[in-house]
Amino acid sequence: MQFKATVTAIGKDALSSKDPMIILFGPQATDALRDVAVIQQFADPASLAQFSIQAGDRITIDETTFTMTYVGQLAVSNLKAIGHVTLLFQDVPADKPMQNAIYLKPTHRPTFKVGTTLLYKTQD
């Protein structure tokens, strides 16, 4: 299955060239969260009831495809409920990986802009 989202807004403090992390939220994010988040809108929010991802699945951000090396225990439920997940473009730490995160390879962070598409693809 595939689930498509589009970036609709980028908070003033959401992108740092030194940070391998992108915080995604759905359009219902509070103003405080919007300052530090990239807002994504799913093309078919009703289909999120069937949303499920796991390590080995892929996400394509514009033209670049990344493999999910780790999907935290809270990532899927947060994405389904409020469009929230943290994308980490780094290796999975040996101890205490973030539970609301998806770790991705390759580890270079792509460019995010309003209009960027995110395509979550499962291995079904």
N, C-alpha and C. Protein backbone atom coordinates (compact mmCIF):
# COMPACT_ATOMS: atom_id res chain seq x y z
N MET A 1 0.83 -1.18 0.00
CA MET A 1 0.00 0.00 0.00
C MET A 1 0.88 1.24 0.00
N GLN A 2 0.28 2.33 -0.46
CA GLN A 2 0.95 3.61 -0.46
C GLN A 2 0.07 4.66 0.20
N PHE A 3 0.70 5.57 0.89
CA PHE A 3 0.00 6.68 1.52
C PHE A 3 0.76 7.94 1.17
N LYS A 4 0.07 8.88 0.53
CA LYS A 4 0.73 10.09 0.06
C LYS A 4 0.37 11.28 0.94
N ALA A 5 1.39 12.06 1.27
CA ALA A 5 1.19 13.30 2.01
C ALA A 5 1.96 14.40 1.29
N THR A 6 1.50 15.63 1.50
CA THR A 6 2.15 16.80 0.90
C THR A 6 2.47 17.79 2.01
N VAL A 7 3.64 18.39 1.94
CA VAL A 7 4.03 19.41 2.91
C VAL A 7 3.25 20.69 2.58
N THR A 8 2.51 21.19 3.57
CA THR A 8 1.69 22.39 3.38
C THR A 8 2.26 23.61 4.09
N ALA A 9 3.15 23.40 5.07
CA ALA A 9 3.76 24.51 5.80
C ALA A 9 5.03 24.03 6.47
N ILE A 10 5.95 24.98 6.70
CA ILE A 10 7.21 24.68 7.38
C ILE A 10 7.42 25.76 8.43
N GLY A 11 7.53 25.34 9.69
CA GLY A 11 7.72 26.27 10.79
C GLY A 11 9.06 27.00 10.71
N LYS A 12 9.10 28.17 11.30
CA LYS A 12 10.31 29.02 11.23
C LYS A 12 11.53 28.35 11.86
N ASP A 13 11.32 27.45 12.82
CA ASP A 13 12.43 26.74 13.47
C ASP A 13 12.44 25.25 13.15
N ALA A 14 11.79 24.85 12.06
CA ALA A 14 11.63 23.43 11.75
C ALA A 14 12.85 22.81 11.09
N LEU A 15 13.61 23.60 10.35
CA LEU A 15 14.73 23.05 9.60
C LEU A 15 16.05 23.63 10.09
N SER A 16 16.97 22.72 10.42
CA SER A 16 18.31 23.14 10.83
C SER A 16 19.30 22.31 10.03
N SER A 17 20.27 22.98 9.43
CA SER A 17 21.24 22.25 8.62
C SER A 17 22.10 21.32 9.46
N LYS A 18 22.14 21.54 10.77
CA LYS A 18 22.97 20.72 11.66
C LYS A 18 22.22 19.54 12.26
N ASP A 19 20.91 19.52 12.11
CA ASP A 19 20.09 18.51 12.79
C ASP A 19 19.58 17.48 11.78
N PRO A 20 19.79 16.18 12.04
CA PRO A 20 19.34 15.14 11.11
C PRO A 20 17.86 14.80 11.29
N MET A 21 17.11 15.65 11.97
CA MET A 21 15.73 15.34 12.36
C MET A 21 14.73 16.28 11.70
N ILE A 22 13.61 15.71 11.26
CA ILE A 22 12.47 16.48 10.78
C ILE A 22 11.26 16.03 11.59
N ILE A 23 10.57 16.98 12.20
CA ILE A 23 9.36 16.68 12.97
C ILE A 23 8.16 16.96 12.09
N LEU A 24 7.38 15.94 11.83
CA LEU A 24 6.18 16.07 11.01
C LEU A 24 4.94 16.09 11.89
N PHE A 25 3.99 16.93 11.55
CA PHE A 25 2.67 16.96 12.20
C PHE A 25 1.61 17.15 11.14
N GLY A 26 0.39 16.75 11.48
CA GLY A 26 -0.75 17.00 10.61
C GLY A 26 -1.21 18.44 10.74
N PRO A 27 -2.22 18.82 9.94
CA PRO A 27 -2.68 20.20 9.90
C PRO A 27 -3.30 20.70 11.21
N GLN A 28 -3.64 19.82 12.12
CA GLN A 28 -4.25 20.24 13.39
C GLN A 28 -3.22 20.62 14.45
N ALA A 29 -1.94 20.68 14.10
CA ALA A 29 -0.89 21.04 15.06
C ALA A 29 -1.14 22.43 15.64
N THR A 30 -0.80 22.58 16.91
CA THR A 30 -0.97 23.87 17.58
C THR A 30 0.04 24.88 17.01
N ASP A 31 -0.18 26.15 17.29
CA ASP A 31 0.73 27.19 16.81
C ASP A 31 2.15 26.97 17.31
N ALA A 32 2.29 26.57 18.58
CA ALA A 32 3.62 26.33 19.15
C ALA A 32 4.33 25.19 18.41
N LEU A 33 3.60 24.12 18.09
CA LEU A 33 4.20 23.00 17.35
C LEU A 33 4.53 23.40 15.92
N ARG A 34 3.69 24.23 15.32
CA ARG A 34 3.92 24.65 13.94
C ARG A 34 5.25 25.38 13.77
N ASP A 35 5.73 26.04 14.82
CA ASP A 35 7.02 26.74 14.73
C ASP A 35 8.18 25.78 14.52
N VAL A 36 8.08 24.55 15.04
CA VAL A 36 9.20 23.61 14.99
C VAL A 36 8.92 22.40 14.10
N ALA A 37 7.80 22.43 13.38
CA ALA A 37 7.38 21.25 12.62
C ALA A 37 7.20 21.55 11.14
N VAL A 38 7.25 20.47 10.39
CA VAL A 38 6.86 20.46 8.99
C VAL A 38 5.45 19.87 8.98
N ILE A 39 4.51 20.61 8.41
CA ILE A 39 3.11 20.17 8.40
C ILE A 39 2.84 19.36 7.14
N GLN A 40 2.31 18.15 7.34
CA GLN A 40 1.97 17.28 6.22
C GLN A 40 0.46 17.04 6.20
N GLN A 41 -0.08 16.99 4.99
CA GLN A 41 -1.50 16.71 4.80
C GLN A 41 -1.60 15.45 3.95
N PHE A 42 -2.25 14.41 4.50
CA PHE A 42 -2.43 13.18 3.74
C PHE A 42 -3.50 13.38 2.68
N ALA A 43 -3.27 12.81 1.49
CA ALA A 43 -4.19 12.95 0.37
C ALA A 43 -5.54 12.32 0.68
N ASP A 44 -5.54 11.21 1.43
CA ASP A 44 -6.78 10.52 1.77
C ASP A 44 -6.75 10.18 3.27
N PRO A 45 -7.10 11.16 4.13
CA PRO A 45 -7.02 10.92 5.57
C PRO A 45 -7.83 9.71 6.03
N ALA A 46 -8.92 9.39 5.37
CA ALA A 46 -9.74 8.24 5.77
C ALA A 46 -8.98 6.93 5.61
N SER A 47 -8.06 6.87 4.65
CA SER A 47 -7.31 5.63 4.42
C SER A 47 -6.30 5.35 5.53
N LEU A 48 -6.03 6.33 6.38
CA LEU A 48 -5.05 6.14 7.46
C LEU A 48 -5.48 5.07 8.46
N ALA A 49 -6.75 4.71 8.47
CA ALA A 49 -7.21 3.63 9.35
C ALA A 49 -6.46 2.34 9.03
N GLN A 50 -6.03 2.18 7.78
CA GLN A 50 -5.30 0.98 7.36
C GLN A 50 -3.79 1.18 7.37
N PHE A 51 -3.34 2.34 7.81
CA PHE A 51 -1.92 2.67 7.76
C PHE A 51 -1.12 1.80 8.72
N SER A 52 -0.07 1.21 8.21
CA SER A 52 0.85 0.43 9.03
C SER A 52 2.18 0.39 8.31
N ILE A 53 3.26 0.65 9.03
CA ILE A 53 4.60 0.59 8.46
C ILE A 53 5.50 -0.17 9.42
N GLN A 54 6.60 -0.66 8.88
CA GLN A 54 7.57 -1.39 9.70
C GLN A 54 8.95 -1.25 9.08
N ALA A 55 9.96 -1.65 9.82
CA ALA A 55 11.32 -1.61 9.30
C ALA A 55 11.36 -2.38 7.99
N GLY A 56 12.06 -1.81 7.01
CA GLY A 56 12.14 -2.40 5.69
C GLY A 56 11.23 -1.72 4.68
N ASP A 57 10.19 -1.03 5.18
CA ASP A 57 9.33 -0.26 4.29
C ASP A 57 10.09 0.95 3.81
N ARG A 58 9.50 1.68 2.87
CA ARG A 58 10.19 2.82 2.27
C ARG A 58 9.36 4.10 2.34
N ILE A 59 10.06 5.22 2.29
CA ILE A 59 9.41 6.51 2.14
C ILE A 59 10.17 7.25 1.04
N THR A 60 9.41 7.79 0.09
CA THR A 60 10.01 8.59 -0.96
C THR A 60 9.66 10.03 -0.69
N ILE A 61 10.68 10.86 -0.59
CA ILE A 61 10.52 12.28 -0.33
C ILE A 61 10.92 12.98 -1.62
N ASP A 62 9.92 13.54 -2.30
CA ASP A 62 10.09 14.03 -3.67
C ASP A 62 10.66 12.89 -4.51
N GLU A 63 11.90 12.99 -4.95
CA GLU A 63 12.45 11.96 -5.85
C GLU A 63 13.40 10.98 -5.16
N THR A 64 13.63 11.14 -3.86
CA THR A 64 14.60 10.31 -3.16
C THR A 64 13.91 9.28 -2.28
N THR A 65 14.29 8.02 -2.42
CA THR A 65 13.68 6.95 -1.64
C THR A 65 14.61 6.55 -0.50
N PHE A 66 14.02 6.42 0.68
CA PHE A 66 14.73 6.03 1.90
C PHE A 66 14.13 4.73 2.42
N THR A 67 14.96 3.90 3.03
CA THR A 67 14.49 2.68 3.68
C THR A 67 14.35 2.94 5.17
N MET A 68 13.25 2.48 5.73
CA MET A 68 13.01 2.61 7.17
C MET A 68 13.81 1.52 7.88
N THR A 69 14.80 1.93 8.66
CA THR A 69 15.63 0.95 9.37
C THR A 69 15.08 0.65 10.75
N TYR A 70 14.24 1.54 11.26
CA TYR A 70 13.61 1.33 12.57
C TYR A 70 12.35 2.19 12.61
N VAL A 71 11.27 1.59 13.09
CA VAL A 71 10.00 2.30 13.27
C VAL A 71 9.62 2.15 14.74
N GLY A 72 9.64 3.27 15.47
CA GLY A 72 9.33 3.25 16.90
C GLY A 72 7.91 2.79 17.19
N GLN A 73 7.71 2.31 18.42
CA GLN A 73 6.42 1.76 18.83
C GLN A 73 5.28 2.76 18.73
N LEU A 74 5.56 4.05 18.87
CA LEU A 74 4.51 5.07 18.82
C LEU A 74 4.33 5.70 17.45
N ALA A 75 5.22 5.40 16.52
CA ALA A 75 5.22 6.08 15.22
C ALA A 75 3.90 5.88 14.45
N VAL A 76 3.45 4.66 14.33
CA VAL A 76 2.25 4.39 13.53
C VAL A 76 1.01 5.00 14.18
N SER A 77 0.84 4.80 15.48
CA SER A 77 -0.36 5.33 16.14
C SER A 77 -0.37 6.86 16.10
N ASN A 78 0.79 7.51 16.27
CA ASN A 78 0.84 8.97 16.19
C ASN A 78 0.55 9.47 14.78
N LEU A 79 1.07 8.78 13.77
CA LEU A 79 0.79 9.18 12.40
C LEU A 79 -0.70 9.07 12.09
N LYS A 80 -1.30 7.97 12.52
CA LYS A 80 -2.73 7.78 12.27
C LYS A 80 -3.59 8.82 12.99
N ALA A 81 -3.22 9.16 14.21
CA ALA A 81 -4.05 10.04 15.04
C ALA A 81 -3.86 11.52 14.71
N ILE A 82 -2.59 11.96 14.60
CA ILE A 82 -2.35 13.40 14.47
C ILE A 82 -1.32 13.73 13.38
N GLY A 83 -1.00 12.77 12.53
CA GLY A 83 -0.05 13.02 11.46
C GLY A 83 1.36 13.28 11.94
N HIS A 84 1.69 12.82 13.16
CA HIS A 84 2.99 13.13 13.76
C HIS A 84 3.95 11.96 13.72
N VAL A 85 5.16 12.26 13.30
CA VAL A 85 6.28 11.34 13.42
C VAL A 85 7.54 12.17 13.26
N THR A 86 8.62 11.68 13.83
CA THR A 86 9.92 12.33 13.64
C THR A 86 10.72 11.47 12.67
N LEU A 87 11.21 12.09 11.61
CA LEU A 87 12.07 11.40 10.67
C LEU A 87 13.51 11.67 11.08
N LEU A 88 14.28 10.60 11.28
CA LEU A 88 15.68 10.73 11.67
C LEU A 88 16.56 10.15 10.59
N PHE A 89 17.37 11.01 9.99
CA PHE A 89 18.27 10.61 8.93
C PHE A 89 19.62 10.30 9.56
N GLN A 90 19.64 9.19 10.32
CA GLN A 90 20.86 8.76 11.01
C GLN A 90 20.72 7.28 11.34
N ASP A 91 21.84 6.69 11.78
CA ASP A 91 21.82 5.28 12.18
C ASP A 91 21.00 5.13 13.46
N VAL A 92 20.42 3.96 13.62
CA VAL A 92 19.65 3.66 14.83
C VAL A 92 20.62 3.50 15.99
N PRO A 93 20.41 4.24 17.08
CA PRO A 93 21.31 4.08 18.22
C PRO A 93 21.16 2.70 18.86
N ALA A 94 22.23 2.19 19.40
CA ALA A 94 22.21 0.86 20.02
C ALA A 94 21.28 0.81 21.22
N ASP A 95 21.19 1.92 21.95
CA ASP A 95 20.29 1.92 23.10
C ASP A 95 19.34 3.13 23.00
N LYS A 96 18.12 2.90 23.34
CA LYS A 96 17.07 3.91 23.43
C LYS A 96 16.79 4.69 22.15
N PRO A 97 16.44 4.01 21.07
CA PRO A 97 16.00 4.76 19.89
C PRO A 97 14.67 5.46 20.22
N MET A 98 14.41 6.58 19.57
CA MET A 98 13.17 7.33 19.82
C MET A 98 11.97 6.50 19.39
N GLN A 99 10.96 6.42 20.24
CA GLN A 99 9.80 5.59 19.96
C GLN A 99 8.76 6.26 19.07
N ASN A 100 8.88 7.58 18.88
CA ASN A 100 7.95 8.27 17.98
C ASN A 100 8.65 8.60 16.66
N ALA A 101 9.70 7.83 16.32
CA ALA A 101 10.53 8.16 15.17
C ALA A 101 10.62 7.01 14.17
N ILE A 102 10.98 7.42 12.95
CA ILE A 102 11.37 6.50 11.89
C ILE A 102 12.81 6.86 11.53
N TYR A 103 13.70 5.88 11.65
CA TYR A 103 15.10 6.07 11.27
C TYR A 103 15.25 5.65 9.81
N LEU A 104 16.01 6.45 9.05
CA LEU A 104 16.06 6.26 7.60
C LEU A 104 17.49 6.13 7.08
N LYS A 105 17.62 5.35 6.00
CA LYS A 105 18.86 5.24 5.24
C LYS A 105 18.51 5.45 3.79
N PRO A 106 19.31 6.14 3.00
CA PRO A 106 20.56 6.76 3.39
C PRO A 106 20.34 7.87 4.40
N THR A 107 21.41 8.30 5.03
CA THR A 107 21.28 9.23 6.15
C THR A 107 21.43 10.70 5.76
N HIS A 108 21.47 11.00 4.48
CA HIS A 108 21.49 12.42 4.10
C HIS A 108 20.05 12.95 4.11
N ARG A 109 19.88 14.11 4.69
CA ARG A 109 18.54 14.69 4.79
C ARG A 109 18.20 15.44 3.50
N PRO A 110 17.05 15.13 2.91
CA PRO A 110 16.66 15.84 1.68
C PRO A 110 16.16 17.25 2.00
N THR A 111 15.94 18.01 0.97
CA THR A 111 15.40 19.35 1.11
C THR A 111 13.89 19.26 1.27
N PHE A 112 13.36 19.99 2.23
CA PHE A 112 11.91 20.07 2.43
C PHE A 112 11.46 21.47 2.06
N LYS A 113 10.35 21.55 1.33
CA LYS A 113 9.75 22.83 0.97
C LYS A 113 8.24 22.62 0.90
N VAL A 114 7.50 23.72 0.91
CA VAL A 114 6.05 23.59 0.73
C VAL A 114 5.84 22.96 -0.64
N GLY A 115 5.03 21.91 -0.67
CA GLY A 115 4.79 21.17 -1.91
C GLY A 115 5.57 19.86 -1.99
N THR A 116 6.56 19.65 -1.13
CA THR A 116 7.28 18.38 -1.09
C THR A 116 6.28 17.25 -0.88
N THR A 117 6.45 16.16 -1.61
CA THR A 117 5.58 15.00 -1.42
C THR A 117 6.31 13.92 -0.65
N LEU A 118 5.55 13.25 0.21
CA LEU A 118 6.05 12.12 0.98
C LEU A 118 5.17 10.93 0.63
N LEU A 119 5.78 9.87 0.16
CA LEU A 119 5.04 8.67 -0.21
C LEU A 119 5.51 7.52 0.67
N TYR A 120 4.66 7.13 1.61
CA TYR A 120 4.95 6.02 2.53
C TYR A 120 4.54 4.75 1.80
N LYS A 121 5.48 3.79 1.62
CA LYS A 121 5.21 2.58 0.86
C LYS A 121 5.49 1.35 1.72
N THR A 122 4.47 0.48 1.84
CA THR A 122 4.64 -0.75 2.61
C THR A 122 5.03 -1.89 1.66
N GLN A 123 5.54 -2.96 2.24
CA GLN A 123 6.03 -4.09 1.46
C GLN A 123 4.96 -5.14 1.18
N ASP A 124 3.75 -4.78 0.91
CA ASP A 124 2.73 -5.81 0.70
C ASP A 124 2.73 -6.38 -0.64
